Amino acid sequence: MIPWTLLDTAPIPGGGELRLKRRGAEFSIMLGTIELMNSRLSGSEEALATLSCERIRARPQPHVLIGGLGMGFTLRAALAVLGPHARIVVAELIPAVVAWARGPMAEVFGASLTDPHVSIEEGDVGHLIRSGRATYDAILLDVDNGPEGLTREANDGLYTIEGLRAARAALRRDGVLAVWSSGPDRHFTSRLRKAGFHVDEVNVRANGRGGGARHVIWIATRRDSTPAVHQDANLD
């Protein structure tokens, strides 16, 4: 068994430290003893993009905001679904994560970071959401561990009723807010509805149909007039 090698560390605003590790061709981003991301487990992050972007792909020039660069799985899946006419903005709070993507993990990211339709903003995705008004066709959030955060307390503001209403205001008509989480949260589902969204809650596997841990993705569509019935689904 090839041992893990520590490649770099990065402080988290507000406290804590991320660690980038490598074992052969495999990469891992850790918070303490908790693995946040692994380059071999991409299924649920890809599903975050495919489930949401399929709903807006027919729009002439879809504009998408992705919160959290991670290992680029969501970004690459969004590019694959939306094609050459999309504009995708990725907000990443920790500059080192962007540096890792362009450095030791460049092979994992491929050409996604140099795609002319992609721009990387080093900063808080919450700021972009709050400054947008009917700007985006979709907002995809893979920030922290979901509504129950691990890495940064300030991330929780994205998932409050006020944060969700700000996201709704930043979306165009019938726009989609998609949220990744490591597990279910019925209170968050309720907040999404109260904030003016029709909610589909989808269970997905960490490695797609290959199995792995069960994660949750909320696909919340901006509701402007006619309420719709909540649905649950499973993608195993």
C-alpha atoms as a PDB file:
ATOM      1  CA  MET A   1       0.000   0.000   0.000  1.00  0.00           C
ATOM      2  CA  ILE A   2       1.398   3.374  -1.032  1.00  0.00           C
ATOM      3  CA  PRO A   3       1.502   5.737   1.988  1.00  0.00           C
ATOM      4  CA  TRP A   4      -0.195   9.128   1.992  1.00  0.00           C
ATOM      5  CA  THR A   5       2.043  12.165   1.466  1.00  0.00           C
ATOM      6  CA  LEU A   6       1.138  15.579   2.866  1.00  0.00           C
ATOM      7  CA  LEU A   7       1.499  18.107   0.034  1.00  0.00           C
ATOM      8  CA  ASP A   8       0.295  21.333   1.626  1.00  0.00           C
ATOM      9  CA  THR A   9      -1.830  22.929   4.330  1.00  0.00           C
ATOM     10  CA  ALA A  10      -4.104  25.971   4.232  1.00  0.00           C
ATOM     11  CA  PRO A  11      -5.686  27.999   7.035  1.00  0.00           C
ATOM     12  CA  ILE A  12      -9.456  28.386   7.047  1.00  0.00           C
ATOM     13  CA  PRO A  13     -10.787  31.893   7.710  1.00  0.00           C
ATOM     14  CA  GLY A  14     -12.120  31.857  11.256  1.00  0.00           C
ATOM     15  CA  GLY A  15      -9.907  28.956  12.355  1.00  0.00           C
ATOM     16  CA  GLY A  16      -8.969  25.429  11.347  1.00  0.00           C
ATOM     17  CA  GLU A  17      -6.715  24.030   8.661  1.00  0.00           C
ATOM     18  CA  LEU A  18      -7.153  22.093   5.433  1.00  0.00           C
ATOM     19  CA  ARG A  19      -4.593  19.475   4.409  1.00  0.00           C
ATOM     20  CA  LEU A  20      -3.959  18.277   0.872  1.00  0.00           C
ATOM     21  CA  LYS A  21      -2.652  14.703   0.711  1.00  0.00           C
ATOM     22  CA  ARG A  22      -1.672  12.425  -2.131  1.00  0.00           C
ATOM     23  CA  ARG A  23      -1.312   8.669  -2.539  1.00  0.00           C
ATOM     24  CA  GLY A  24      -0.243   7.704  -6.024  1.00  0.00           C
ATOM     25  CA  ALA A  25      -2.840   9.251  -8.363  1.00  0.00           C
ATOM     26  CA  GLU A  26      -5.358   9.739  -5.522  1.00  0.00           C
ATOM     27  CA  PHE A  27      -5.857  13.071  -3.731  1.00  0.00           C
ATOM     28  CA  SER A  28      -7.597  13.844  -0.449  1.00  0.00           C
ATOM     29  CA  ILE A  29      -8.520  17.120   1.248  1.00  0.00           C
ATOM     30  CA  MET A  30      -8.790  16.715   5.003  1.00  0.00           C
ATOM     31  CA  LEU A  31     -10.050  18.770   7.927  1.00  0.00           C
ATOM     32  CA  GLY A  32      -8.344  17.226  10.921  1.00  0.00           C
ATOM     33  CA  THR A  33      -9.219  13.537  10.755  1.00  0.00           C
ATOM     34  CA  ILE A  34     -12.269  14.168   8.546  1.00  0.00           C
ATOM     35  CA  GLU A  35     -11.943  13.668   4.801  1.00  0.00           C
ATOM     36  CA  LEU A  36     -13.896  16.386   3.016  1.00  0.00           C
ATOM     37  CA  MET A  37     -13.074  15.345  -0.559  1.00  0.00           C
ATOM     38  CA  ASN A  38     -11.407  12.475  -2.368  1.00  0.00           C
ATOM     39  CA  SER A  39     -10.538  12.374  -6.046  1.00  0.00           C
ATOM     40  CA  ARG A  40     -11.930   8.831  -6.316  1.00  0.00           C
ATOM     41  CA  LEU A  41     -15.373   9.801  -4.996  1.00  0.00           C
ATOM     42  CA  SER A  42     -17.029  12.200  -7.398  1.00  0.00           C
ATOM     43  CA  GLY A  43     -20.562  10.891  -7.884  1.00  0.00           C
ATOM     44  CA  SER A  44     -22.586  13.150  -5.626  1.00  0.00           C
ATOM     45  CA  GLU A  45     -20.667  16.316  -6.590  1.00  0.00           C
ATOM     46  CA  GLU A  46     -21.266  15.529 -10.262  1.00  0.00           C
ATOM     47  CA  ALA A  47     -24.935  14.877  -9.525  1.00  0.00           C
ATOM     48  CA  LEU A  48     -25.190  18.341  -7.972  1.00  0.00           C
ATOM     49  CA  ALA A  49     -24.428  19.763 -11.420  1.00  0.00           C
ATOM     50  CA  THR A  50     -26.257  17.298 -13.635  1.00  0.00           C
ATOM     51  CA  LEU A  51     -29.523  17.340 -11.667  1.00  0.00           C
ATOM     52  CA  SER A  52     -29.673  21.131 -11.637  1.00  0.00           C
ATOM     53  CA  CYS A  53     -28.167  21.994 -15.019  1.00  0.00           C
ATOM     54  CA  GLU A  54     -30.460  19.601 -16.881  1.00  0.00           C
ATOM     55  CA  ARG A  55     -33.294  21.916 -15.814  1.00  0.00           C
ATOM     56  CA  ILE A  56     -31.746  25.001 -17.403  1.00  0.00           C
ATOM     57  CA  ARG A  57     -29.834  23.571 -20.366  1.00  0.00           C
ATOM     58  CA  ALA A  58     -32.472  24.743 -22.863  1.00  0.00           C
ATOM     59  CA  ARG A  59     -31.917  28.382 -21.911  1.00  0.00           C
ATOM     60  CA  PRO A  60     -29.969  30.299 -24.573  1.00  0.00           C
ATOM     61  CA  GLN A  61     -27.038  31.463 -22.406  1.00  0.00           C
ATOM     62  CA  PRO A  62     -27.360  29.948 -18.925  1.00  0.00           C
ATOM     63  CA  HIS A  63     -25.510  31.785 -16.171  1.00  0.00           C
ATOM     64  CA  VAL A  64     -24.421  29.582 -13.260  1.00  0.00           C
ATOM     65  CA  LEU A  65     -22.795  30.331  -9.915  1.00  0.00           C
ATOM     66  CA  ILE A  66     -20.972  27.496  -8.148  1.00  0.00           C
ATOM     67  CA  GLY A  67     -20.077  27.927  -4.498  1.00  0.00           C
ATOM     68  CA  GLY A  68     -16.977  25.869  -3.696  1.00  0.00           C
ATOM     69  CA  LEU A  69     -14.322  24.716  -6.166  1.00  0.00           C
ATOM     70  CA  GLY A  70     -13.364  21.529  -4.316  1.00  0.00           C
ATOM     71  CA  MET A  71     -11.789  19.096  -6.751  1.00  0.00           C
ATOM     72  CA  GLY A  72     -13.722  20.481  -9.709  1.00  0.00           C
ATOM     73  CA  PHE A  73     -16.196  17.633 -10.123  1.00  0.00           C
ATOM     74  CA  THR A  74     -19.233  19.950 -10.079  1.00  0.00           C
ATOM     75  CA  LEU A  75     -17.619  22.431 -12.458  1.00  0.00           C
ATOM     76  CA  ARG A  76     -16.673  19.794 -15.029  1.00  0.00           C
ATOM     77  CA  ALA A  77     -20.106  18.169 -14.879  1.00  0.00           C
ATOM     78  CA  ALA A  78     -21.800  21.555 -15.374  1.00  0.00           C
ATOM     79  CA  LEU A  79     -19.635  22.252 -18.428  1.00  0.00           C
ATOM     80  CA  ALA A  80     -20.512  18.845 -19.855  1.00  0.00           C
ATOM     81  CA  VAL A  81     -24.258  19.447 -19.501  1.00  0.00           C
ATOM     82  CA  LEU A  82     -24.472  23.095 -20.539  1.00  0.00           C
ATOM     83  CA  GLY A  83     -22.038  23.155 -23.427  1.00  0.00           C
ATOM     84  CA  PRO A  84     -20.308  26.150 -25.015  1.00  0.00           C
ATOM     85  CA  HIS A  85     -22.970  28.810 -24.450  1.00  0.00           C
ATOM     86  CA  ALA A  86     -22.939  28.815 -20.652  1.00  0.00           C
ATOM     87  CA  ARG A  87     -21.204  31.257 -18.352  1.00  0.00           C
ATOM     88  CA  ILE A  88     -20.010  29.698 -15.096  1.00  0.00           C
ATOM     89  CA  VAL A  89     -18.631  31.569 -12.104  1.00  0.00           C
ATOM     90  CA  VAL A  90     -16.949  29.555  -9.339  1.00  0.00           C
ATOM     91  CA  ALA A  91     -16.489  31.201  -5.938  1.00  0.00           C
ATOM     92  CA  GLU A  92     -13.798  29.717  -3.697  1.00  0.00           C
ATOM     93  CA  LEU A  93     -13.057  31.264  -0.321  1.00  0.00           C
ATOM     94  CA  ILE A  94      -9.648  29.670   0.290  1.00  0.00           C
ATOM     95  CA  PRO A  95      -6.983  30.777  -2.210  1.00  0.00           C
ATOM     96  CA  ALA A  96      -4.880  27.670  -1.569  1.00  0.00           C
ATOM     97  CA  VAL A  97      -7.665  25.453  -2.951  1.00  0.00           C
ATOM     98  CA  VAL A  98      -7.444  27.357  -6.244  1.00  0.00           C
ATOM     99  CA  ALA A  99      -3.638  27.048  -6.162  1.00  0.00           C
ATOM    100  CA  TRP A 100      -3.923  23.287  -5.567  1.00  0.00           C
ATOM    101  CA  ALA A 101      -6.281  23.018  -8.550  1.00  0.00           C
ATOM    102  CA  ARG A 102      -3.775  24.776 -10.790  1.00  0.00           C
ATOM    103  CA  GLY A 103      -0.763  23.030  -9.267  1.00  0.00           C
ATOM    104  CA  PRO A 104      -0.600  19.485  -7.869  1.00  0.00           C
ATOM    105  CA  MET A 105      -4.173  18.612  -8.938  1.00  0.00           C
ATOM    106  CA  ALA A 106      -3.966  20.138 -12.431  1.00  0.00           C
ATOM    107  CA  GLU A 107      -4.378  16.706 -14.027  1.00  0.00           C
ATOM    108  CA  VAL A 108      -7.607  16.147 -12.081  1.00  0.00           C
ATOM    109  CA  PHE A 109      -9.048  19.472 -13.287  1.00  0.00           C
ATOM    110  CA  GLY A 110      -8.022  19.053 -16.901  1.00  0.00           C
ATOM    111  CA  ALA A 111      -8.923  22.058 -19.061  1.00  0.00           C
ATOM    112  CA  SER A 112     -11.859  23.195 -16.940  1.00  0.00           C
ATOM    113  CA  LEU A 113     -10.053  26.142 -15.318  1.00  0.00           C
ATOM    114  CA  THR A 114      -8.852  27.513 -18.659  1.00  0.00           C
ATOM    115  CA  ASP A 115     -12.240  27.163 -20.332  1.00  0.00           C
ATOM    116  CA  PRO A 116     -13.165  30.649 -21.648  1.00  0.00           C
ATOM    117  CA  HIS A 117     -16.677  30.300 -20.219  1.00  0.00           C
ATOM    118  CA  VAL A 118     -15.381  29.787 -16.657  1.00  0.00           C
ATOM    119  CA  SER A 119     -14.240  32.445 -14.215  1.00  0.00           C
ATOM    120  CA  ILE A 120     -12.853  31.834 -10.731  1.00  0.00           C
ATOM    121  CA  GLU A 121     -13.632  34.337  -7.969  1.00  0.00           C
ATOM    122  CA  GLU A 122     -11.523  34.018  -4.838  1.00  0.00           C
ATOM    123  CA  GLY A 123     -13.976  35.107  -2.165  1.00  0.00           C
ATOM    124  CA  ASP A 124     -17.190  34.386  -0.334  1.00  0.00           C
ATOM    125  CA  VAL A 125     -19.990  33.008  -2.498  1.00  0.00           C
ATOM    126  CA  GLY A 126     -22.433  34.685  -0.110  1.00  0.00           C
ATOM    127  CA  HIS A 127     -21.211  38.079  -1.274  1.00  0.00           C
ATOM    128  CA  LEU A 128     -21.864  37.199  -4.919  1.00  0.00           C
ATOM    129  CA  ILE A 129     -25.324  35.928  -4.020  1.00  0.00           C
ATOM    130  CA  ARG A 130     -26.243  39.025  -2.041  1.00  0.00           C
ATOM    131  CA  SER A 131     -24.957  41.359  -4.759  1.00  0.00           C
ATOM    132  CA  GLY A 132     -26.872  39.580  -7.504  1.00  0.00           C
ATOM    133  CA  ARG A 133     -30.445  40.417  -8.479  1.00  0.00           C
ATOM    134  CA  ALA A 134     -32.130  38.052 -10.946  1.00  0.00           C
ATOM    135  CA  THR A 135     -28.606  37.308 -12.200  1.00  0.00           C
ATOM    136  CA  TYR A 136     -28.254  33.522 -12.256  1.00  0.00           C
ATOM    137  CA  ASP A 137     -30.174  30.670 -13.830  1.00  0.00           C
ATOM    138  CA  ALA A 138     -28.715  28.300 -11.241  1.00  0.00           C
ATOM    139  CA  ILE A 139     -26.779  28.542  -7.999  1.00  0.00           C
ATOM    140  CA  LEU A 140     -24.962  25.374  -6.921  1.00  0.00           C
ATOM    141  CA  LEU A 141     -23.700  25.226  -3.347  1.00  0.00           C
ATOM    142  CA  ASP A 142     -21.147  22.649  -2.258  1.00  0.00           C
ATOM    143  CA  VAL A 143     -19.948  24.711   0.676  1.00  0.00           C
ATOM    144  CA  ASP A 144     -18.664  23.141   3.875  1.00  0.00           C
ATOM    145  CA  ASN A 145     -20.585  19.969   4.780  1.00  0.00           C
ATOM    146  CA  GLY A 146     -23.988  21.295   3.767  1.00  0.00           C
ATOM    147  CA  PRO A 147     -26.483  23.061   6.045  1.00  0.00           C
ATOM    148  CA  GLU A 148     -24.783  21.457   9.055  1.00  0.00           C
ATOM    149  CA  GLY A 149     -21.329  22.929   8.493  1.00  0.00           C
ATOM    150  CA  LEU A 150     -18.002  21.689   9.774  1.00  0.00           C
ATOM    151  CA  THR A 151     -15.316  24.058   8.570  1.00  0.00           C
ATOM    152  CA  ARG A 152     -16.558  27.599   9.111  1.00  0.00           C
ATOM    153  CA  GLU A 153     -19.408  28.962  11.207  1.00  0.00           C
ATOM    154  CA  ALA A 154     -19.936  31.886   8.834  1.00  0.00           C
ATOM    155  CA  ASN A 155     -20.988  29.413   6.112  1.00  0.00           C
ATOM    156  CA  ASP A 156     -24.160  28.733   8.058  1.00  0.00           C
ATOM    157  CA  GLY A 157     -25.519  32.093   6.902  1.00  0.00           C
ATOM    158  CA  LEU A 158     -26.002  30.660   3.422  1.00  0.00           C
ATOM    159  CA  TYR A 159     -28.572  28.227   4.761  1.00  0.00           C
ATOM    160  CA  THR A 160     -30.651  30.461   7.036  1.00  0.00           C
ATOM    161  CA  ILE A 161     -34.027  31.709   5.858  1.00  0.00           C
ATOM    162  CA  GLU A 162     -32.401  35.079   5.121  1.00  0.00           C
ATOM    163  CA  GLY A 163     -29.605  33.437   3.134  1.00  0.00           C
ATOM    164  CA  LEU A 164     -32.075  31.360   1.139  1.00  0.00           C
ATOM    165  CA  ARG A 165     -34.202  34.409   0.358  1.00  0.00           C
ATOM    166  CA  ALA A 166     -31.075  36.172  -0.882  1.00  0.00           C
ATOM    167  CA  ALA A 167     -30.377  33.190  -3.151  1.00  0.00           C
ATOM    168  CA  ARG A 168     -33.936  33.312  -4.445  1.00  0.00           C
ATOM    169  CA  ALA A 169     -33.568  37.011  -5.243  1.00  0.00           C
ATOM    170  CA  ALA A 170     -30.315  36.309  -7.107  1.00  0.00           C
ATOM    171  CA  LEU A 171     -32.036  33.753  -9.359  1.00  0.00           C
ATOM    172  CA  ARG A 172     -33.885  34.483 -12.562  1.00  0.00           C
ATOM    173  CA  ARG A 173     -37.461  33.318 -12.983  1.00  0.00           C
ATOM    174  CA  ASP A 174     -37.729  29.548 -12.465  1.00  0.00           C
ATOM    175  CA  GLY A 175     -34.060  29.478 -11.516  1.00  0.00           C
ATOM    176  CA  VAL A 176     -32.593  26.594  -9.548  1.00  0.00           C
ATOM    177  CA  LEU A 177     -30.801  26.535  -6.203  1.00  0.00           C
ATOM    178  CA  ALA A 178     -28.993  23.204  -5.711  1.00  0.00           C
ATOM    179  CA  VAL A 179     -27.426  22.331  -2.357  1.00  0.00           C
ATOM    180  CA  TRP A 180     -25.116  19.400  -1.547  1.00  0.00           C
ATOM    181  CA  SER A 181     -25.096  17.868   1.928  1.00  0.00           C
ATOM    182  CA  SER A 182     -23.439  14.919   3.611  1.00  0.00           C
ATOM    183  CA  GLY A 183     -26.811  13.950   5.109  1.00  0.00           C
ATOM    184  CA  PRO A 184     -30.529  14.798   5.408  1.00  0.00           C
ATOM    185  CA  ASP A 185     -31.904  17.828   7.214  1.00  0.00           C
ATOM    186  CA  ARG A 186     -35.697  18.137   7.394  1.00  0.00           C
ATOM    187  CA  HIS A 187     -35.458  21.601   8.949  1.00  0.00           C
ATOM    188  CA  PHE A 188     -33.514  22.808   5.928  1.00  0.00           C
ATOM    189  CA  THR A 189     -36.145  21.390   3.590  1.00  0.00           C
ATOM    190  CA  SER A 190     -38.755  23.373   5.497  1.00  0.00           C
ATOM    191  CA  ARG A 191     -36.688  26.570   5.287  1.00  0.00           C
ATOM    192  CA  LEU A 192     -36.349  26.186   1.521  1.00  0.00           C
ATOM    193  CA  ARG A 193     -40.127  26.030   1.152  1.00  0.00           C
ATOM    194  CA  LYS A 194     -40.630  29.018   3.420  1.00  0.00           C
ATOM    195  CA  ALA A 195     -38.096  30.972   1.361  1.00  0.00           C
ATOM    196  CA  GLY A 196     -40.226  30.504  -1.767  1.00  0.00           C
ATOM    197  CA  PHE A 197     -38.891  27.356  -3.417  1.00  0.00           C
ATOM    198  CA  HIS A 198     -40.431  24.167  -4.740  1.00  0.00           C
ATOM    199  CA  VAL A 199     -38.175  21.442  -3.347  1.00  0.00           C
ATOM    200  CA  ASP A 200     -37.013  18.079  -4.678  1.00  0.00           C
ATOM    201  CA  GLU A 201     -34.803  16.158  -2.251  1.00  0.00           C
ATOM    202  CA  VAL A 202     -32.597  13.553  -3.933  1.00  0.00           C
ATOM    203  CA  ASN A 203     -30.482  10.880  -2.260  1.00  0.00           C
ATOM    204  CA  VAL A 204     -27.276  10.081  -4.124  1.00  0.00           C
ATOM    205  CA  ARG A 205     -24.213   7.906  -3.586  1.00  0.00           C
ATOM    206  CA  ALA A 206     -20.739   9.333  -3.095  1.00  0.00           C
ATOM    207  CA  ASN A 207     -19.459   7.313  -6.034  1.00  0.00           C
ATOM    208  CA  GLY A 208     -22.568   7.475  -8.163  1.00  0.00           C
ATOM    209  CA  ARG A 209     -24.068   4.092  -8.969  1.00  0.00           C
ATOM    210  CA  GLY A 210     -20.827   2.553  -7.800  1.00  0.00           C
ATOM    211  CA  GLY A 211     -21.953   2.935  -4.214  1.00  0.00           C
ATOM    212  CA  GLY A 212     -20.324   4.718  -1.303  1.00  0.00           C
ATOM    213  CA  ALA A 213     -21.851   6.888   1.396  1.00  0.00           C
ATOM    214  CA  ARG A 214     -25.311   8.352   0.918  1.00  0.00           C
ATOM    215  CA  HIS A 215     -25.464  12.101   0.398  1.00  0.00           C
ATOM    216  CA  VAL A 216     -28.369  14.473  -0.168  1.00  0.00           C
ATOM    217  CA  ILE A 217     -28.961  17.083  -2.850  1.00  0.00           C
ATOM    218  CA  TRP A 218     -31.772  19.596  -2.671  1.00  0.00           C
ATOM    219  CA  ILE A 219     -32.983  20.884  -6.041  1.00  0.00           C
ATOM    220  CA  ALA A 220     -34.985  24.005  -5.170  1.00  0.00           C
ATOM    221  CA  THR A 221     -36.757  25.854  -7.979  1.00  0.00           C
ATOM    222  CA  ARG A 222     -37.681  29.482  -7.522  1.00  0.00           C
ATOM    223  CA  ARG A 223     -41.451  29.579  -7.079  1.00  0.00           C
ATOM    224  CA  ASP A 224     -43.069  32.761  -8.356  1.00  0.00           C
ATOM    225  CA  SER A 225     -46.743  31.869  -8.437  1.00  0.00           C
ATOM    226  CA  THR A 226     -48.039  28.319  -8.555  1.00  0.00           C
ATOM    227  CA  PRO A 227     -46.904  26.041  -5.693  1.00  0.00           C
ATOM    228  CA  ALA A 228     -45.806  22.529  -6.578  1.00  0.00           C
ATOM    229  CA  VAL A 229     -45.797  19.292  -4.641  1.00  0.00           C
ATOM    230  CA  HIS A 230     -42.600  18.241  -2.876  1.00  0.00           C
ATOM    231  CA  GLN A 231     -40.978  15.085  -4.213  1.00  0.00           C
ATOM    232  CA  ASP A 232     -38.325  12.756  -2.864  1.00  0.00           C
ATOM    233  CA  ALA A 233     -36.121  10.562  -5.004  1.00  0.00           C
ATOM    234  CA  ASN A 234     -33.243   8.163  -4.753  1.00  0.00           C
ATOM    235  CA  LEU A 235     -30.332   7.765  -7.136  1.00  0.00           C
ATOM    236  CA  ASP A 236     -28.597   4.561  -6.079  1.00  0.00           C
END
